[in-house]
Amino acid sequence: MSTPPSRIPTTASAGPVSYAIFQLARAHRAYAATLLRAMDLHPGQELLLMQLLDRDGQSQSELLEAVGLDHSTVSKSLRRMQEAGLLVREPAAHDRRVMLVHLTDKGRAMRKPIAALWQTLEETSARNLSEPQAQSFVQTAYAISEALSSRPLPTIES
């Protein structure tokens, strides 16, 4: 089993699981960002593309809900992706205020590269884990995610 970093801040000692999650998320995001840069994508854009590859023609609101990012981040990402020729945005016929997002041929061509990116990310991330450890990690990660999303925010004393 891997050992934790030797310099965990003393204030984080009350939350070793949370600090480990922070370190993991930071390392994972940095590696993913490196892979994404090689594809001329910014972090989060692959998530939007994956959603559109599964169901093209979603509204911006649907995409916001699907990826769980804030409005300004999604809007900025979609603008950049449109400028890169990956998608187009157009008003919906039923309501001109609703913007529908459609992939271009260039955007649809990202399916295989994105799948390869996720496979590389998975292989690298799980390379030191046995199959049972990997399965246990996935279950644990989803359990933590569920715990975080289903609890009211506590009051933190200062």
C-alpha atoms as a PDB file:
ATOM      1  CA  MET A   1       0.000   0.000   0.000  1.00  0.00           C
ATOM      2  CA  SER A   2       1.255   3.447  -0.861  1.00  0.00           C
ATOM      3  CA  THR A   3       2.172   5.777   1.957  1.00  0.00           C
ATOM      4  CA  PRO A   4       0.719   9.262   2.304  1.00  0.00           C
ATOM      5  CA  PRO A   5       2.881  12.320   1.682  1.00  0.00           C
ATOM      6  CA  SER A   6       5.208  13.057   4.576  1.00  0.00           C
ATOM      7  CA  ARG A   7       4.116  16.688   4.889  1.00  0.00           C
ATOM      8  CA  ILE A   8       0.393  16.656   5.435  1.00  0.00           C
ATOM      9  CA  PRO A   9      -0.566  20.040   6.896  1.00  0.00           C
ATOM     10  CA  THR A  10      -1.429  19.723  10.566  1.00  0.00           C
ATOM     11  CA  THR A  11      -4.816  21.335   9.968  1.00  0.00           C
ATOM     12  CA  ALA A  12      -5.613  18.512   7.520  1.00  0.00           C
ATOM     13  CA  SER A  13      -4.913  15.836  10.133  1.00  0.00           C
ATOM     14  CA  ALA A  14      -8.561  15.994  11.189  1.00  0.00           C
ATOM     15  CA  GLY A  15      -9.533  14.956   7.661  1.00  0.00           C
ATOM     16  CA  PRO A  16      -7.098  12.377   6.240  1.00  0.00           C
ATOM     17  CA  VAL A  17      -9.666  10.941   3.807  1.00  0.00           C
ATOM     18  CA  SER A  18     -10.571  14.404   2.550  1.00  0.00           C
ATOM     19  CA  TYR A  19      -6.923  15.395   2.148  1.00  0.00           C
ATOM     20  CA  ALA A  20      -6.202  12.176   0.247  1.00  0.00           C
ATOM     21  CA  ILE A  21      -9.173  12.908  -2.045  1.00  0.00           C
ATOM     22  CA  PHE A  22      -7.839  16.428  -2.636  1.00  0.00           C
ATOM     23  CA  GLN A  23      -4.366  15.100  -3.511  1.00  0.00           C
ATOM     24  CA  LEU A  24      -5.818  12.410  -5.755  1.00  0.00           C
ATOM     25  CA  ALA A  25      -8.125  14.835  -7.576  1.00  0.00           C
ATOM     26  CA  ARG A  26      -5.282  17.293  -8.111  1.00  0.00           C
ATOM     27  CA  ALA A  27      -2.914  14.643  -9.519  1.00  0.00           C
ATOM     28  CA  HIS A  28      -5.613  13.090 -11.699  1.00  0.00           C
ATOM     29  CA  ARG A  29      -6.715  16.451 -13.086  1.00  0.00           C
ATOM     30  CA  ALA A  30      -3.121  17.467 -13.863  1.00  0.00           C
ATOM     31  CA  TYR A  31      -2.419  14.248 -15.754  1.00  0.00           C
ATOM     32  CA  ALA A  32      -5.736  14.457 -17.609  1.00  0.00           C
ATOM     33  CA  ALA A  33      -4.991  18.089 -18.522  1.00  0.00           C
ATOM     34  CA  THR A  34      -1.657  17.027 -20.028  1.00  0.00           C
ATOM     35  CA  LEU A  35      -3.397  14.396 -22.169  1.00  0.00           C
ATOM     36  CA  LEU A  36      -6.122  16.858 -23.150  1.00  0.00           C
ATOM     37  CA  ARG A  37      -3.622  19.530 -24.194  1.00  0.00           C
ATOM     38  CA  ALA A  38      -2.179  17.052 -26.704  1.00  0.00           C
ATOM     39  CA  MET A  39      -5.685  16.911 -28.220  1.00  0.00           C
ATOM     40  CA  ASP A  40      -6.106  20.723 -28.174  1.00  0.00           C
ATOM     41  CA  LEU A  41      -8.803  20.445 -25.490  1.00  0.00           C
ATOM     42  CA  HIS A  42      -9.152  22.104 -22.098  1.00  0.00           C
ATOM     43  CA  PRO A  43     -10.221  20.148 -18.991  1.00  0.00           C
ATOM     44  CA  GLY A  44     -13.976  19.692 -18.941  1.00  0.00           C
ATOM     45  CA  GLN A  45     -14.383  19.995 -22.699  1.00  0.00           C
ATOM     46  CA  GLU A  46     -14.039  16.235 -23.070  1.00  0.00           C
ATOM     47  CA  LEU A  47     -16.963  15.801 -20.660  1.00  0.00           C
ATOM     48  CA  LEU A  48     -19.143  18.040 -22.810  1.00  0.00           C
ATOM     49  CA  LEU A  49     -18.078  16.192 -25.945  1.00  0.00           C
ATOM     50  CA  MET A  50     -18.831  12.830 -24.312  1.00  0.00           C
ATOM     51  CA  GLN A  51     -22.345  14.016 -23.413  1.00  0.00           C
ATOM     52  CA  LEU A  52     -22.937  15.254 -26.952  1.00  0.00           C
ATOM     53  CA  LEU A  53     -21.511  12.081 -28.472  1.00  0.00           C
ATOM     54  CA  ASP A  54     -24.100  10.131 -26.477  1.00  0.00           C
ATOM     55  CA  ARG A  55     -26.934  12.536 -27.351  1.00  0.00           C
ATOM     56  CA  ASP A  56     -26.315  15.298 -29.837  1.00  0.00           C
ATOM     57  CA  GLY A  57     -28.523  18.381 -29.857  1.00  0.00           C
ATOM     58  CA  GLN A  58     -28.814  18.941 -26.111  1.00  0.00           C
ATOM     59  CA  SER A  59     -29.619  22.339 -24.702  1.00  0.00           C
ATOM     60  CA  GLN A  60     -26.958  24.227 -22.789  1.00  0.00           C
ATOM     61  CA  SER A  61     -29.066  23.732 -19.642  1.00  0.00           C
ATOM     62  CA  GLU A  62     -29.097  19.969 -20.132  1.00  0.00           C
ATOM     63  CA  LEU A  63     -25.330  19.967 -20.578  1.00  0.00           C
ATOM     64  CA  LEU A  64     -24.901  22.059 -17.430  1.00  0.00           C
ATOM     65  CA  GLU A  65     -26.886  19.527 -15.438  1.00  0.00           C
ATOM     66  CA  ALA A  66     -25.130  16.522 -16.997  1.00  0.00           C
ATOM     67  CA  VAL A  67     -21.564  17.646 -16.293  1.00  0.00           C
ATOM     68  CA  GLY A  68     -22.174  19.409 -12.997  1.00  0.00           C
ATOM     69  CA  LEU A  69     -20.136  22.493 -13.831  1.00  0.00           C
ATOM     70  CA  ASP A  70     -21.189  26.093 -13.327  1.00  0.00           C
ATOM     71  CA  HIS A  71     -22.877  28.147 -16.045  1.00  0.00           C
ATOM     72  CA  SER A  72     -19.922  30.423 -16.800  1.00  0.00           C
ATOM     73  CA  THR A  73     -17.496  27.486 -17.150  1.00  0.00           C
ATOM     74  CA  VAL A  74     -19.794  25.617 -19.535  1.00  0.00           C
ATOM     75  CA  SER A  75     -20.573  28.746 -21.532  1.00  0.00           C
ATOM     76  CA  LYS A  76     -16.872  29.581 -21.901  1.00  0.00           C
ATOM     77  CA  SER A  77     -16.040  25.982 -22.843  1.00  0.00           C
ATOM     78  CA  LEU A  78     -18.797  25.835 -25.444  1.00  0.00           C
ATOM     79  CA  ARG A  79     -17.656  29.145 -26.947  1.00  0.00           C
ATOM     80  CA  ARG A  80     -14.067  27.864 -27.216  1.00  0.00           C
ATOM     81  CA  MET A  81     -15.256  24.578 -28.679  1.00  0.00           C
ATOM     82  CA  GLN A  82     -17.389  26.417 -31.224  1.00  0.00           C
ATOM     83  CA  GLU A  83     -14.396  28.575 -32.189  1.00  0.00           C
ATOM     84  CA  ALA A  84     -12.368  25.358 -32.602  1.00  0.00           C
ATOM     85  CA  GLY A  85     -15.014  23.992 -34.976  1.00  0.00           C
ATOM     86  CA  LEU A  86     -16.138  21.132 -32.695  1.00  0.00           C
ATOM     87  CA  LEU A  87     -19.752  22.247 -32.310  1.00  0.00           C
ATOM     88  CA  VAL A  88     -22.379  24.774 -33.248  1.00  0.00           C
ATOM     89  CA  ARG A  89     -25.001  26.431 -31.065  1.00  0.00           C
ATOM     90  CA  GLU A  90     -28.335  27.495 -32.439  1.00  0.00           C
ATOM     91  CA  PRO A  91     -31.670  28.590 -31.034  1.00  0.00           C
ATOM     92  CA  ALA A  92     -34.284  25.871 -30.617  1.00  0.00           C
ATOM     93  CA  ALA A  93     -37.263  26.024 -32.979  1.00  0.00           C
ATOM     94  CA  HIS A  94     -39.729  25.710 -30.080  1.00  0.00           C
ATOM     95  CA  ASP A  95     -38.119  28.503 -28.018  1.00  0.00           C
ATOM     96  CA  ARG A  96     -35.550  30.904 -29.475  1.00  0.00           C
ATOM     97  CA  ARG A  97     -34.178  31.571 -25.967  1.00  0.00           C
ATOM     98  CA  VAL A  98     -33.041  27.933 -25.656  1.00  0.00           C
ATOM     99  CA  MET A  99     -29.661  27.240 -27.267  1.00  0.00           C
ATOM    100  CA  LEU A 100     -29.161  23.746 -28.679  1.00  0.00           C
ATOM    101  CA  VAL A 101     -25.656  22.371 -29.059  1.00  0.00           C
ATOM    102  CA  HIS A 102     -24.785  20.160 -32.023  1.00  0.00           C
ATOM    103  CA  LEU A 103     -21.499  18.486 -32.866  1.00  0.00           C
ATOM    104  CA  THR A 104     -19.802  19.172 -36.170  1.00  0.00           C
ATOM    105  CA  ASP A 105     -18.052  16.428 -38.139  1.00  0.00           C
ATOM    106  CA  LYS A 106     -14.854  17.489 -36.390  1.00  0.00           C
ATOM    107  CA  GLY A 107     -16.564  17.115 -33.010  1.00  0.00           C
ATOM    108  CA  ARG A 108     -17.975  13.681 -33.889  1.00  0.00           C
ATOM    109  CA  ALA A 109     -14.479  12.604 -34.964  1.00  0.00           C
ATOM    110  CA  MET A 110     -13.344  13.093 -31.336  1.00  0.00           C
ATOM    111  CA  ARG A 111     -15.107   9.887 -30.173  1.00  0.00           C
ATOM    112  CA  LYS A 112     -12.125   7.554 -30.661  1.00  0.00           C
ATOM    113  CA  PRO A 113      -9.456   9.985 -29.382  1.00  0.00           C
ATOM    114  CA  ILE A 114     -11.512  10.705 -26.244  1.00  0.00           C
ATOM    115  CA  ALA A 115     -12.099   6.987 -25.635  1.00  0.00           C
ATOM    116  CA  ALA A 116      -8.350   6.410 -26.020  1.00  0.00           C
ATOM    117  CA  LEU A 117      -7.617   9.265 -23.607  1.00  0.00           C
ATOM    118  CA  TRP A 118      -9.919   7.740 -20.969  1.00  0.00           C
ATOM    119  CA  GLN A 119      -8.349   4.325 -21.475  1.00  0.00           C
ATOM    120  CA  THR A 120      -4.865   5.783 -21.000  1.00  0.00           C
ATOM    121  CA  LEU A 121      -6.011   7.717 -17.949  1.00  0.00           C
ATOM    122  CA  GLU A 122      -7.608   4.573 -16.502  1.00  0.00           C
ATOM    123  CA  GLU A 123      -4.576   2.366 -17.153  1.00  0.00           C
ATOM    124  CA  THR A 124      -2.229   4.899 -15.597  1.00  0.00           C
ATOM    125  CA  SER A 125      -4.480   5.636 -12.629  1.00  0.00           C
ATOM    126  CA  ALA A 126      -5.112   1.977 -11.767  1.00  0.00           C
ATOM    127  CA  ARG A 127      -1.735   0.494 -12.672  1.00  0.00           C
ATOM    128  CA  ASN A 128      -0.739  -0.089  -9.023  1.00  0.00           C
ATOM    129  CA  LEU A 129      -4.116  -1.570  -8.070  1.00  0.00           C
ATOM    130  CA  SER A 130      -5.265  -5.165  -8.257  1.00  0.00           C
ATOM    131  CA  GLU A 131      -8.650  -5.791  -9.852  1.00  0.00           C
ATOM    132  CA  PRO A 132     -10.353  -6.166  -6.446  1.00  0.00           C
ATOM    133  CA  GLN A 133      -8.694  -2.945  -5.240  1.00  0.00           C
ATOM    134  CA  ALA A 134      -9.861  -1.092  -8.351  1.00  0.00           C
ATOM    135  CA  GLN A 135     -13.432  -2.357  -7.895  1.00  0.00           C
ATOM    136  CA  SER A 136     -13.364  -1.452  -4.208  1.00  0.00           C
ATOM    137  CA  PHE A 137     -12.027   2.008  -5.015  1.00  0.00           C
ATOM    138  CA  VAL A 138     -14.840   2.667  -7.500  1.00  0.00           C
ATOM    139  CA  GLN A 139     -17.454   1.586  -4.942  1.00  0.00           C
ATOM    140  CA  THR A 140     -15.802   3.701  -2.249  1.00  0.00           C
ATOM    141  CA  ALA A 141     -15.543   6.745  -4.504  1.00  0.00           C
ATOM    142  CA  TYR A 142     -19.237   6.558  -5.397  1.00  0.00           C
ATOM    143  CA  ALA A 143     -20.175   6.052  -1.747  1.00  0.00           C
ATOM    144  CA  ILE A 144     -18.219   9.183  -0.800  1.00  0.00           C
ATOM    145  CA  SER A 145     -19.765  11.117  -3.683  1.00  0.00           C
ATOM    146  CA  GLU A 146     -23.245  10.077  -2.582  1.00  0.00           C
ATOM    147  CA  ALA A 147     -22.484  11.051   1.021  1.00  0.00           C
ATOM    148  CA  LEU A 148     -21.309  14.483  -0.068  1.00  0.00           C
ATOM    149  CA  SER A 149     -24.224  15.182  -2.381  1.00  0.00           C
ATOM    150  CA  SER A 150     -26.958  13.985  -0.044  1.00  0.00           C
ATOM    151  CA  ARG A 151     -25.991  15.842   3.134  1.00  0.00           C
ATOM    152  CA  PRO A 152     -27.007  19.363   4.131  1.00  0.00           C
ATOM    153  CA  LEU A 153     -24.138  21.776   4.557  1.00  0.00           C
ATOM    154  CA  PRO A 154     -22.999  21.971   8.199  1.00  0.00           C
ATOM    155  CA  THR A 155     -22.231  25.210   9.966  1.00  0.00           C
ATOM    156  CA  ILE A 156     -18.471  25.563  10.348  1.00  0.00           C
ATOM    157  CA  GLU A 157     -17.350  27.463  13.412  1.00  0.00           C
ATOM    158  CA  SER A 158     -14.530  29.917  12.967  1.00  0.00           C
END
